[in-house]
């Protein structure tokens, strides 16, 4: 499978390397014959944001036989795609090529019109800009990535790894994605979304999706007992249907998801408040003992040491 990755002047080395690292590893592990390669608007060289020159790049014509085209980022000034690049992407999509927009690359994909009437992700800092620029696109400011089947978009920076691993998972299976992730020493499936990195909380969109209803309700009641039966009731599903739907939607169990969200909230409180440790535990639905046990198991640190290192109040 041939994977064309668009390189342009002032792209960062990180954004350019993420899809190459993940997809190259597929071949190195002997999982499939995947061939990632760089293309540019014109044959020749580009200069990265760090000042490196990448030479001998083919032009856009090299994307003609690509199975996947990746726009790994986009320019900071938000310029429109060139007519030539837009045509290449549209023609490729029409013949069945998967289009991937990582980070600000989702804005470039939106420029083609392919995201109209669809949901997309981008870096949280640019979510409002994308939504304003293209009202026909539904922007999910909390998602790490959004897979539409023929189009995949991701949130900022490191979430490109998540999106690329997701692509490996959907094409080659979970075992292949896990092997790639282990080799790169990254999480094979990261829980949560980019909301945890946003400077101000993002309101949860109104939805009738049962799992979204249950998780929204749970996030508002983390200091209370959260049983599977209670979550199923919030979702208006039977226990059995809820557990099956929850695992399908999140890739984990309700209990593991709740524990992770409690720990997320605990970290937030440790970073931003002076609440005593025991009160943080209670506010997040733990007893003081279970809080310390779960926190140490998850983060290899005590709550006190974590607060000392990450206290954001005095930065």
Protein backbone atom coordinates (compact mmCIF):
# COMPACT_ATOMS: atom_id res chain seq x y z
CA UNK A 1 0.00 0.00 0.00
CA UNK A 2 1.39 3.38 -1.02
CA UNK A 3 0.95 6.30 1.38
CA UNK A 4 1.72 9.79 0.07
CA UNK A 5 2.56 12.37 2.75
CA UNK A 6 2.42 16.00 1.69
CA UNK A 7 5.47 18.07 2.63
CA UNK A 8 5.56 21.84 2.36
CA UNK A 9 7.77 24.75 3.37
CA UNK A 10 7.70 25.44 7.13
CA UNK A 11 6.13 22.11 8.08
CA UNK A 12 7.53 20.90 11.40
CA UNK A 13 9.70 17.82 11.44
CA UNK A 14 7.48 16.26 14.08
CA UNK A 15 4.28 16.50 12.04
CA UNK A 16 6.07 15.20 8.98
CA UNK A 17 7.69 12.30 10.82
CA UNK A 18 4.65 10.94 12.70
CA UNK A 19 2.95 9.16 9.77
CA UNK A 20 6.33 8.03 8.44
CA UNK A 21 7.29 6.52 11.79
CA UNK A 22 4.03 4.62 12.24
CA UNK A 23 3.63 3.40 8.67
CA UNK A 24 7.34 2.57 8.25
CA UNK A 25 7.09 0.43 11.37
CA UNK A 26 4.37 -1.66 9.71
CA UNK A 27 6.94 -2.72 7.12
CA UNK A 28 9.77 -3.11 9.61
CA UNK A 29 7.62 -5.45 11.67
CA UNK A 30 6.77 -7.47 8.57
CA UNK A 31 3.06 -6.84 9.06
CA UNK A 32 2.28 -5.62 5.55
CA UNK A 33 3.91 -4.04 2.52
CA UNK A 34 3.24 -0.38 3.34
CA UNK A 35 5.29 2.28 1.59
CA UNK A 36 5.07 5.82 2.99
CA UNK A 37 6.75 8.49 0.89
CA UNK A 38 6.89 12.28 0.74
CA UNK A 39 5.48 14.46 -2.01
CA UNK A 40 5.64 18.22 -2.52
CA UNK A 41 3.69 20.76 -4.54
CA UNK A 42 6.53 20.73 -7.05
CA UNK A 43 9.43 18.35 -7.54
CA UNK A 44 12.47 19.57 -5.68
CA UNK A 45 13.05 20.50 -2.05
CA UNK A 46 11.24 22.00 0.91
CA UNK A 47 12.58 23.71 4.04
CA UNK A 48 11.12 22.68 7.39
CA UNK A 49 10.21 25.01 10.25
CA UNK A 50 13.40 23.93 12.00
CA UNK A 51 15.53 24.99 9.03
CA UNK A 52 16.29 21.58 7.53
CA UNK A 53 16.14 21.05 3.78
CA UNK A 54 14.51 17.90 2.43
CA UNK A 55 15.56 17.44 -1.18
CA UNK A 56 14.73 15.25 -4.17
CA UNK A 57 11.00 15.18 -3.45
CA UNK A 58 8.61 14.20 -6.24
CA UNK A 59 5.76 16.51 -7.16
CA UNK A 60 2.03 16.00 -6.75
CA UNK A 61 1.94 13.61 -9.70
CA UNK A 62 3.49 11.00 -7.39
CA UNK A 63 0.17 10.81 -5.51
CA UNK A 64 -1.60 9.42 -8.58
CA UNK A 65 -1.32 5.81 -7.40
CA UNK A 66 -1.47 6.46 -3.63
CA UNK A 67 -3.87 4.37 -1.53
CA UNK A 68 -3.74 6.96 1.25
CA UNK A 69 -2.90 10.67 1.10
CA UNK A 70 -1.84 12.31 4.35
CA UNK A 71 -1.91 16.06 4.96
CA UNK A 72 0.19 15.97 8.16
CA UNK A 73 -0.32 19.62 9.11
CA UNK A 74 -0.91 22.97 7.45
CA UNK A 75 0.48 26.47 7.34
CA UNK A 76 0.05 28.71 10.36
CA UNK A 77 -1.43 31.46 8.21
CA UNK A 78 -4.31 29.17 7.23
CA UNK A 79 -3.95 29.81 3.50
CA UNK A 80 -6.23 27.94 1.12
CA UNK A 81 -5.01 24.86 -0.70
CA UNK A 82 -3.50 25.51 -4.09
CA UNK A 83 -5.85 24.56 -6.93
CA UNK A 84 -3.39 21.84 -7.94
CA UNK A 85 -3.27 20.20 -4.51
CA UNK A 86 -7.03 20.50 -4.13
CA UNK A 87 -7.55 18.73 -7.44
CA UNK A 88 -5.11 15.96 -6.52
CA UNK A 89 -6.94 15.31 -3.24
CA UNK A 90 -10.39 15.38 -4.85
CA UNK A 91 -9.37 13.12 -7.72
CA UNK A 92 -7.73 10.68 -5.31
CA UNK A 93 -10.80 10.58 -3.08
CA UNK A 94 -13.03 9.98 -6.10
CA UNK A 95 -11.06 6.88 -7.04
CA UNK A 96 -11.24 5.49 -3.49
CA UNK A 97 -8.10 6.84 -1.85
CA UNK A 98 -8.36 7.47 1.90
CA UNK A 99 -7.66 11.08 2.86
CA UNK A 100 -6.03 11.83 6.22
CA UNK A 101 -5.75 15.28 7.80
CA UNK A 102 -3.59 15.42 10.93
CA UNK A 103 -3.69 18.43 13.26
CA UNK A 104 -4.12 21.55 11.09
CA UNK A 105 -4.16 19.25 8.09
CA UNK A 106 -7.87 18.80 8.79
CA UNK A 107 -8.33 22.45 7.79
CA UNK A 108 -6.62 21.67 4.50
CA UNK A 109 -8.99 18.72 3.99
CA UNK A 110 -11.94 21.00 4.75
CA UNK A 111 -10.73 23.33 2.00
CA UNK A 112 -11.58 20.61 -0.53
CA UNK A 113 -15.22 20.47 0.59
CA UNK A 114 -14.92 16.78 1.48
CA UNK A 115 -15.81 17.46 5.12
CA UNK A 116 -19.05 19.33 4.40
CA UNK A 117 -21.87 17.70 6.34
CA UNK A 118 -19.39 15.62 8.32
CA UNK A 119 -17.69 15.67 11.71
CA UNK A 120 -13.98 16.43 12.00
CA UNK A 121 -11.27 16.95 14.59
CA UNK A 122 -8.44 19.45 14.63
CA UNK A 123 -6.13 21.00 17.20
CA UNK A 124 -8.30 22.44 19.97
CA UNK A 125 -6.72 25.85 19.47
CA UNK A 126 -8.02 25.95 15.87
CA UNK A 127 -11.40 24.27 16.41
CA UNK A 128 -13.33 27.55 16.53
CA UNK A 129 -11.50 28.80 13.45
CA UNK A 130 -12.38 25.68 11.47
CA UNK A 131 -16.01 25.82 12.58
CA UNK A 132 -16.29 29.50 11.62
CA UNK A 133 -14.52 29.07 8.31
CA UNK A 134 -16.60 26.05 7.30
CA UNK A 135 -20.03 26.10 8.98
CA UNK A 136 -21.02 22.94 7.08
CA UNK A 137 -18.37 21.01 9.04
CA UNK A 138 -19.25 19.77 12.54
CA UNK A 139 -16.08 20.23 14.60
CA UNK A 140 -15.62 17.98 17.62
CA UNK A 141 -13.22 19.95 19.84
CA UNK A 142 -12.77 17.06 22.29
CA UNK A 143 -11.88 14.18 19.97
CA UNK A 144 -8.37 12.84 19.44
CA UNK A 145 -9.44 11.74 15.97
CA UNK A 146 -12.59 11.24 13.91
CA UNK A 147 -12.83 8.37 11.43
CA UNK A 148 -15.36 8.81 8.63
CA UNK A 149 -14.17 5.72 6.79
CA UNK A 150 -12.87 7.46 3.68
CA UNK A 151 -11.58 10.48 5.62
CA UNK A 152 -9.69 10.54 8.91
CA UNK A 153 -8.95 13.74 10.84
CA UNK A 154 -7.07 14.17 14.09
CA UNK A 155 -6.49 16.70 16.82
CA UNK A 156 -3.16 18.38 17.47
CA UNK A 157 0.41 17.19 17.47
CA UNK A 158 0.80 13.83 19.25
CA UNK A 159 -2.78 12.74 18.50
CA UNK A 160 -1.53 12.18 14.96
CA UNK A 161 0.10 9.07 16.42
CA UNK A 162 -3.29 7.93 17.71
CA UNK A 163 -4.90 8.50 14.31
CA UNK A 164 -2.16 6.67 12.42
CA UNK A 165 -2.27 3.74 14.84
CA UNK A 166 -6.04 3.70 14.40
CA UNK A 167 -5.51 3.39 10.67
CA UNK A 168 -3.18 0.44 11.24
CA UNK A 169 -5.78 -1.10 13.56
CA UNK A 170 -8.62 -0.77 11.08
CA UNK A 171 -6.55 -2.10 8.14
CA UNK A 172 -4.47 -4.79 9.84
CA UNK A 173 -6.13 -5.51 13.19
CA UNK A 174 -5.53 -4.75 16.85
CA UNK A 175 -2.56 -7.10 17.19
CA UNK A 176 -0.70 -5.29 14.40
CA UNK A 177 -1.43 -1.89 15.95
CA UNK A 178 -0.27 -3.14 19.34
CA UNK A 179 2.99 -4.41 17.87
CA UNK A 180 3.65 -1.09 16.16
CA UNK A 181 2.79 0.83 19.34
CA UNK A 182 5.06 -1.35 21.48
CA UNK A 183 7.94 -0.84 19.09
CA UNK A 184 7.43 2.94 19.15
CA UNK A 185 6.82 2.87 22.94
CA UNK A 186 3.47 4.66 22.70
CA UNK A 187 0.00 3.75 23.92
CA UNK A 188 -1.76 1.49 21.39
CA UNK A 189 -5.12 3.06 22.23
CA UNK A 190 -5.16 6.25 24.27
CA UNK A 191 -8.23 6.85 26.41
CA UNK A 192 -9.95 10.20 26.68
CA UNK A 193 -9.70 13.11 24.30
CA UNK A 194 -7.92 16.38 23.79
CA UNK A 195 -10.36 18.08 26.18
CA UNK A 196 -7.92 17.29 28.99
CA UNK A 197 -5.38 19.66 27.35
CA UNK A 198 -7.73 22.55 26.60
CA UNK A 199 -7.19 25.71 28.60
CA UNK A 200 -10.89 26.07 29.36
CA UNK A 201 -13.42 23.23 29.52
CA UNK A 202 -15.33 22.47 26.36
CA UNK A 203 -19.09 22.11 26.90
CA UNK A 204 -20.41 18.70 25.96
CA UNK A 205 -22.62 18.93 22.92
CA UNK A 206 -26.24 17.96 23.27
CA UNK A 207 -26.76 14.48 21.88
CA UNK A 208 -29.12 11.55 22.11
CA UNK A 209 -26.32 9.00 21.79
CA UNK A 210 -26.83 6.66 24.78
CA UNK A 211 -23.13 6.26 25.59
CA UNK A 212 -22.59 10.03 25.39
CA UNK A 213 -25.55 10.53 27.74
CA UNK A 214 -24.13 8.05 30.22
CA UNK A 215 -20.60 9.42 30.15
CA UNK A 216 -21.79 13.01 30.45
CA UNK A 217 -23.90 12.04 33.45
CA UNK A 218 -20.98 10.15 35.00
CA UNK A 219 -18.60 13.10 34.62
CA UNK A 220 -21.04 15.24 36.60
CA UNK A 221 -21.28 12.63 39.39
CA UNK A 222 -17.72 11.42 39.89
CA UNK A 223 -18.01 11.90 43.66
CA UNK A 224 -20.87 9.41 43.81
CA UNK A 225 -20.98 5.62 43.46
CA UNK A 226 -21.07 4.87 39.73
CA UNK A 227 -22.29 1.36 39.07
CA UNK A 228 -22.81 -0.31 35.72
CA UNK A 229 -26.53 -0.41 36.44
CA UNK A 230 -26.56 3.32 37.16
CA UNK A 231 -24.69 4.11 33.95
CA UNK A 232 -26.99 1.84 31.97
CA UNK A 233 -30.00 3.65 33.42
CA UNK A 234 -28.51 7.01 32.41
CA UNK A 235 -28.11 5.61 28.88
CA UNK A 236 -31.65 4.21 28.89
CA UNK A 237 -30.30 0.77 28.02
CA UNK A 238 -30.37 -2.64 29.63
CA UNK A 239 -27.21 -3.60 31.51
CA UNK A 240 -26.20 -6.13 28.86
CA UNK A 241 -26.83 -3.80 25.92
CA UNK A 242 -25.04 -0.96 27.68
CA UNK A 243 -21.89 -2.96 28.43
CA UNK A 244 -21.70 -4.16 24.84
CA UNK A 245 -22.32 -0.69 23.39
CA UNK A 246 -19.91 0.93 25.83
CA UNK A 247 -17.02 -1.37 24.92
CA UNK A 248 -17.76 -0.87 21.23
CA UNK A 249 -17.73 2.93 21.62
CA UNK A 250 -14.77 3.31 24.00
CA UNK A 251 -12.71 0.13 23.69
CA UNK A 252 -12.79 -0.41 27.44
CA UNK A 253 -15.11 -1.46 30.27
CA UNK A 254 -17.36 0.95 32.21
CA UNK A 255 -15.37 0.31 35.39
CA UNK A 256 -12.02 1.04 33.75
CA UNK A 257 -13.41 4.17 32.09
CA UNK A 258 -14.86 5.48 35.36
CA UNK A 259 -11.60 4.84 37.21
CA UNK A 260 -9.64 6.69 34.53
CA UNK A 261 -12.02 9.67 34.64
CA UNK A 262 -11.83 9.79 38.45
CA UNK A 263 -8.05 9.86 38.21
CA UNK A 264 -8.19 12.57 35.53
CA UNK A 265 -10.30 14.71 37.85
CA UNK A 266 -7.95 13.97 40.75
CA UNK A 267 -5.00 15.20 38.73
CA UNK A 268 -6.88 18.36 37.84
CA UNK A 269 -7.67 19.04 41.49
CA UNK A 270 -4.10 18.33 42.55
CA UNK A 271 -2.78 20.72 39.92
CA UNK A 272 -5.22 23.57 40.41
CA UNK A 273 -6.46 23.53 44.02
CA UNK A 274 -5.08 23.30 47.54
CA UNK A 275 -7.64 20.74 48.69
CA UNK A 276 -6.17 18.22 51.13
CA UNK A 277 -5.36 14.88 49.55
CA UNK A 278 -8.14 13.08 51.42
CA UNK A 279 -10.69 15.62 50.19
CA UNK A 280 -9.47 15.19 46.63
CA UNK A 281 -10.02 11.46 47.05
CA UNK A 282 -13.60 11.89 48.24
CA UNK A 283 -14.38 14.47 45.54
CA UNK A 284 -13.34 11.91 42.93
CA UNK A 285 -15.26 8.98 44.37
CA UNK A 286 -12.39 7.20 46.14
CA UNK A 287 -11.65 6.45 49.75
CA UNK A 288 -8.28 7.88 50.85
CA UNK A 289 -6.74 4.40 50.77
CA UNK A 290 -8.09 3.34 47.37
CA UNK A 291 -7.16 6.75 45.94
CA UNK A 292 -3.51 6.38 46.86
CA UNK A 293 -3.44 2.80 45.58
CA UNK A 294 -5.05 3.61 42.25
CA UNK A 295 -3.05 6.81 41.76
CA UNK A 296 0.26 5.06 42.38
CA UNK A 297 -0.67 2.21 40.04
CA UNK A 298 -1.67 4.60 37.25
CA UNK A 299 1.04 7.26 37.51
CA UNK A 300 3.87 5.65 39.49
CA UNK A 301 3.70 8.55 41.93
CA UNK A 302 1.97 9.49 45.13
CA UNK A 303 -0.65 12.28 45.01
CA UNK A 304 1.62 14.47 47.14
CA UNK A 305 4.62 14.06 44.84
CA UNK A 306 2.45 14.65 41.80
CA UNK A 307 1.12 17.92 43.26
CA UNK A 308 4.62 19.08 44.12
CA UNK A 309 5.76 18.51 40.55
CA UNK A 310 2.72 19.70 38.60
CA UNK A 311 1.13 22.40 40.78
CA UNK A 312 -0.10 24.91 38.22
CA UNK A 313 -1.21 27.60 40.69
CA UNK A 314 2.23 29.17 41.03
CA UNK A 315 3.40 29.00 37.41
